[in-house]
C-alpha atoms as a PDB file:
ATOM      1  CA  MET A   1       2.191 -13.939  -4.043  1.00  0.00           C
ATOM      2  CA  THR A   2       0.406 -15.058  -0.927  1.00  0.00           C
ATOM      3  CA  THR A   3       0.700 -13.033   2.237  1.00  0.00           C
ATOM      4  CA  PRO A   4       1.260 -14.332   5.743  1.00  0.00           C
ATOM      5  CA  ILE A   5      -1.362 -11.792   6.869  1.00  0.00           C
ATOM      6  CA  LYS A   6      -5.065 -12.564   6.611  1.00  0.00           C
ATOM      7  CA  PRO A   7      -7.109  -9.341   6.883  1.00  0.00           C
ATOM      8  CA  LEU A   8     -10.367  -9.284   8.813  1.00  0.00           C
ATOM      9  CA  ALA A   9     -13.648  -7.442   8.108  1.00  0.00           C
ATOM     10  CA  ASP A  10     -13.177  -4.529   5.693  1.00  0.00           C
ATOM     11  CA  ARG A  11      -9.368  -4.427   5.836  1.00  0.00           C
ATOM     12  CA  VAL A  12      -6.993  -4.625   2.876  1.00  0.00           C
ATOM     13  CA  VAL A  13      -3.359  -5.792   2.953  1.00  0.00           C
ATOM     14  CA  ALA A  14      -1.183  -3.964   0.433  1.00  0.00           C
ATOM     15  CA  VAL A  15       2.464  -3.404  -0.455  1.00  0.00           C
ATOM     16  CA  ARG A  16       3.628   0.188  -0.964  1.00  0.00           C
ATOM     17  CA  GLU A  17       5.104   1.164  -4.330  1.00  0.00           C
ATOM     18  CA  LYS A  18       8.799   2.071  -4.475  1.00  0.00           C
ATOM     19  CA  ALA A  19       9.713   5.732  -3.936  1.00  0.00           C
ATOM     20  CA  ALA A  20      10.993   7.701  -6.926  1.00  0.00           C
ATOM     21  CA  MET A  21      14.797   7.621  -7.233  1.00  0.00           C
ATOM     22  CA  THR A  22      15.068  10.744  -9.408  1.00  0.00           C
ATOM     23  CA  THR A  23      13.205  13.989  -9.941  1.00  0.00           C
ATOM     24  CA  ALA A  24      11.410  14.804 -13.200  1.00  0.00           C
ATOM     25  CA  SER A  25      14.527  16.662 -14.351  1.00  0.00           C
ATOM     26  CA  GLY A  26      16.786  13.665 -13.665  1.00  0.00           C
ATOM     27  CA  LEU A  27      18.384  14.632 -10.340  1.00  0.00           C
ATOM     28  CA  TYR A  28      18.981  11.742  -7.936  1.00  0.00           C
ATOM     29  CA  LEU A  29      17.226  11.948  -4.582  1.00  0.00           C
ATOM     30  CA  PRO A  30      18.930  10.871  -1.352  1.00  0.00           C
ATOM     31  CA  ASP A  31      16.951   8.568   0.958  1.00  0.00           C
ATOM     32  CA  THR A  32      16.254  11.427   3.381  1.00  0.00           C
ATOM     33  CA  ALA A  33      14.552  13.516   0.682  1.00  0.00           C
ATOM     34  CA  LYS A  34      12.203  10.831  -0.593  1.00  0.00           C
ATOM     35  CA  GLU A  35       8.542  11.026   0.329  1.00  0.00           C
ATOM     36  CA  LYS A  36       6.634   7.851   1.107  1.00  0.00           C
ATOM     37  CA  PRO A  37       4.365   7.167  -1.845  1.00  0.00           C
ATOM     38  CA  VAL A  38       0.631   6.846  -1.232  1.00  0.00           C
ATOM     39  CA  PHE A  39       0.259   4.191  -3.931  1.00  0.00           C
ATOM     40  CA  ALA A  40       0.126   0.483  -3.133  1.00  0.00           C
ATOM     41  CA  THR A  41      -0.823  -2.851  -4.679  1.00  0.00           C
ATOM     42  CA  VAL A  42      -3.503  -4.929  -2.943  1.00  0.00           C
ATOM     43  CA  LYS A  43      -2.201  -8.367  -1.898  1.00  0.00           C
ATOM     44  CA  ALA A  44      -5.134  -9.655   0.221  1.00  0.00           C
ATOM     45  CA  ILE A  45      -8.649  -8.514   1.128  1.00  0.00           C
ATOM     46  CA  GLY A  46     -10.941  -9.173   4.067  1.00  0.00           C
ATOM     47  CA  PRO A  47     -14.336 -10.893   3.692  1.00  0.00           C
ATOM     48  CA  ASP A  48     -16.326  -7.626   3.953  1.00  0.00           C
ATOM     49  CA  VAL A  49     -14.427  -5.728   1.222  1.00  0.00           C
ATOM     50  CA  LYS A  50     -16.838  -4.908  -1.599  1.00  0.00           C
ATOM     51  CA  GLN A  51     -15.087  -2.686  -4.155  1.00  0.00           C
ATOM     52  CA  LEU A  52     -11.484  -3.904  -4.300  1.00  0.00           C
ATOM     53  CA  LYS A  53      -9.781  -7.060  -5.497  1.00  0.00           C
ATOM     54  CA  VAL A  54      -6.303  -8.535  -5.221  1.00  0.00           C
ATOM     55  CA  GLY A  55      -3.949  -6.868  -7.707  1.00  0.00           C
ATOM     56  CA  ASP A  56      -5.655  -3.448  -7.689  1.00  0.00           C
ATOM     57  CA  LYS A  57      -3.378  -0.421  -7.419  1.00  0.00           C
ATOM     58  CA  ILE A  58      -4.789   1.946  -4.813  1.00  0.00           C
ATOM     59  CA  VAL A  59      -4.336   5.464  -3.472  1.00  0.00           C
ATOM     60  CA  TYR A  60      -4.865   5.625   0.290  1.00  0.00           C
ATOM     61  CA  LYS A  61      -4.920   8.152   3.129  1.00  0.00           C
ATOM     62  CA  GLU A  62      -1.310   8.541   4.194  1.00  0.00           C
ATOM     63  CA  TYR A  63      -1.768   8.526   7.972  1.00  0.00           C
ATOM     64  CA  SER A  64      -4.505   5.921   8.291  1.00  0.00           C
ATOM     65  CA  THR A  65      -2.486   2.746   7.770  1.00  0.00           C
ATOM     66  CA  THR A  66      -0.907   0.171  10.025  1.00  0.00           C
ATOM     67  CA  GLU A  67       2.559  -0.854   8.849  1.00  0.00           C
ATOM     68  CA  LEU A  68       4.187  -4.170   9.675  1.00  0.00           C
ATOM     69  CA  THR A  69       6.954  -6.343   8.319  1.00  0.00           C
ATOM     70  CA  ALA A  70       6.550 -10.077   7.763  1.00  0.00           C
ATOM     71  CA  ASP A  71       8.988 -12.347   5.928  1.00  0.00           C
ATOM     72  CA  GLY A  72      11.120  -9.309   5.026  1.00  0.00           C
ATOM     73  CA  VAL A  73       8.267  -7.514   3.211  1.00  0.00           C
ATOM     74  CA  GLU A  74       6.708  -4.288   4.506  1.00  0.00           C
ATOM     75  CA  TYR A  75       2.912  -4.565   4.418  1.00  0.00           C
ATOM     76  CA  LEU A  76       0.218  -1.967   4.974  1.00  0.00           C
ATOM     77  CA  ILE A  77      -3.172  -2.707   6.486  1.00  0.00           C
ATOM     78  CA  VAL A  78      -5.779  -0.203   5.323  1.00  0.00           C
ATOM     79  CA  LYS A  79      -9.526   0.042   5.938  1.00  0.00           C
ATOM     80  CA  GLU A  80     -11.530  -0.034   2.738  1.00  0.00           C
ATOM     81  CA  GLU A  81     -13.046   3.366   3.587  1.00  0.00           C
ATOM     82  CA  ASP A  82      -9.513   4.886   3.715  1.00  0.00           C
ATOM     83  CA  VAL A  83      -8.830   3.881   0.114  1.00  0.00           C
ATOM     84  CA  LEU A  84      -9.375   7.015  -1.976  1.00  0.00           C
ATOM     85  CA  ALA A  85      -9.105   5.632  -5.516  1.00  0.00           C
ATOM     86  CA  THR A  86      -7.874   2.820  -7.723  1.00  0.00           C
ATOM     87  CA  LEU A  87      -5.466   3.295 -10.628  1.00  0.00           C
END
């Protein structure tokens, strides 16, 4: 999948994972009770990114992203230093 967004410098473009629909015990969660997951899949990387590659699953700082929608897909733009871990 190519993205219409080309990140600059040390930025990463990612797509957030889907929120859980049920609890561990099997109860269904309404949309208002779901937390935004902090997991995403990297779709594009800037030229200065050193430790990530396209396709990596990442954990990022929740409040350090820029969210935007392009072609009906919600993308996140994250600085490489705000990525906490890969899965």
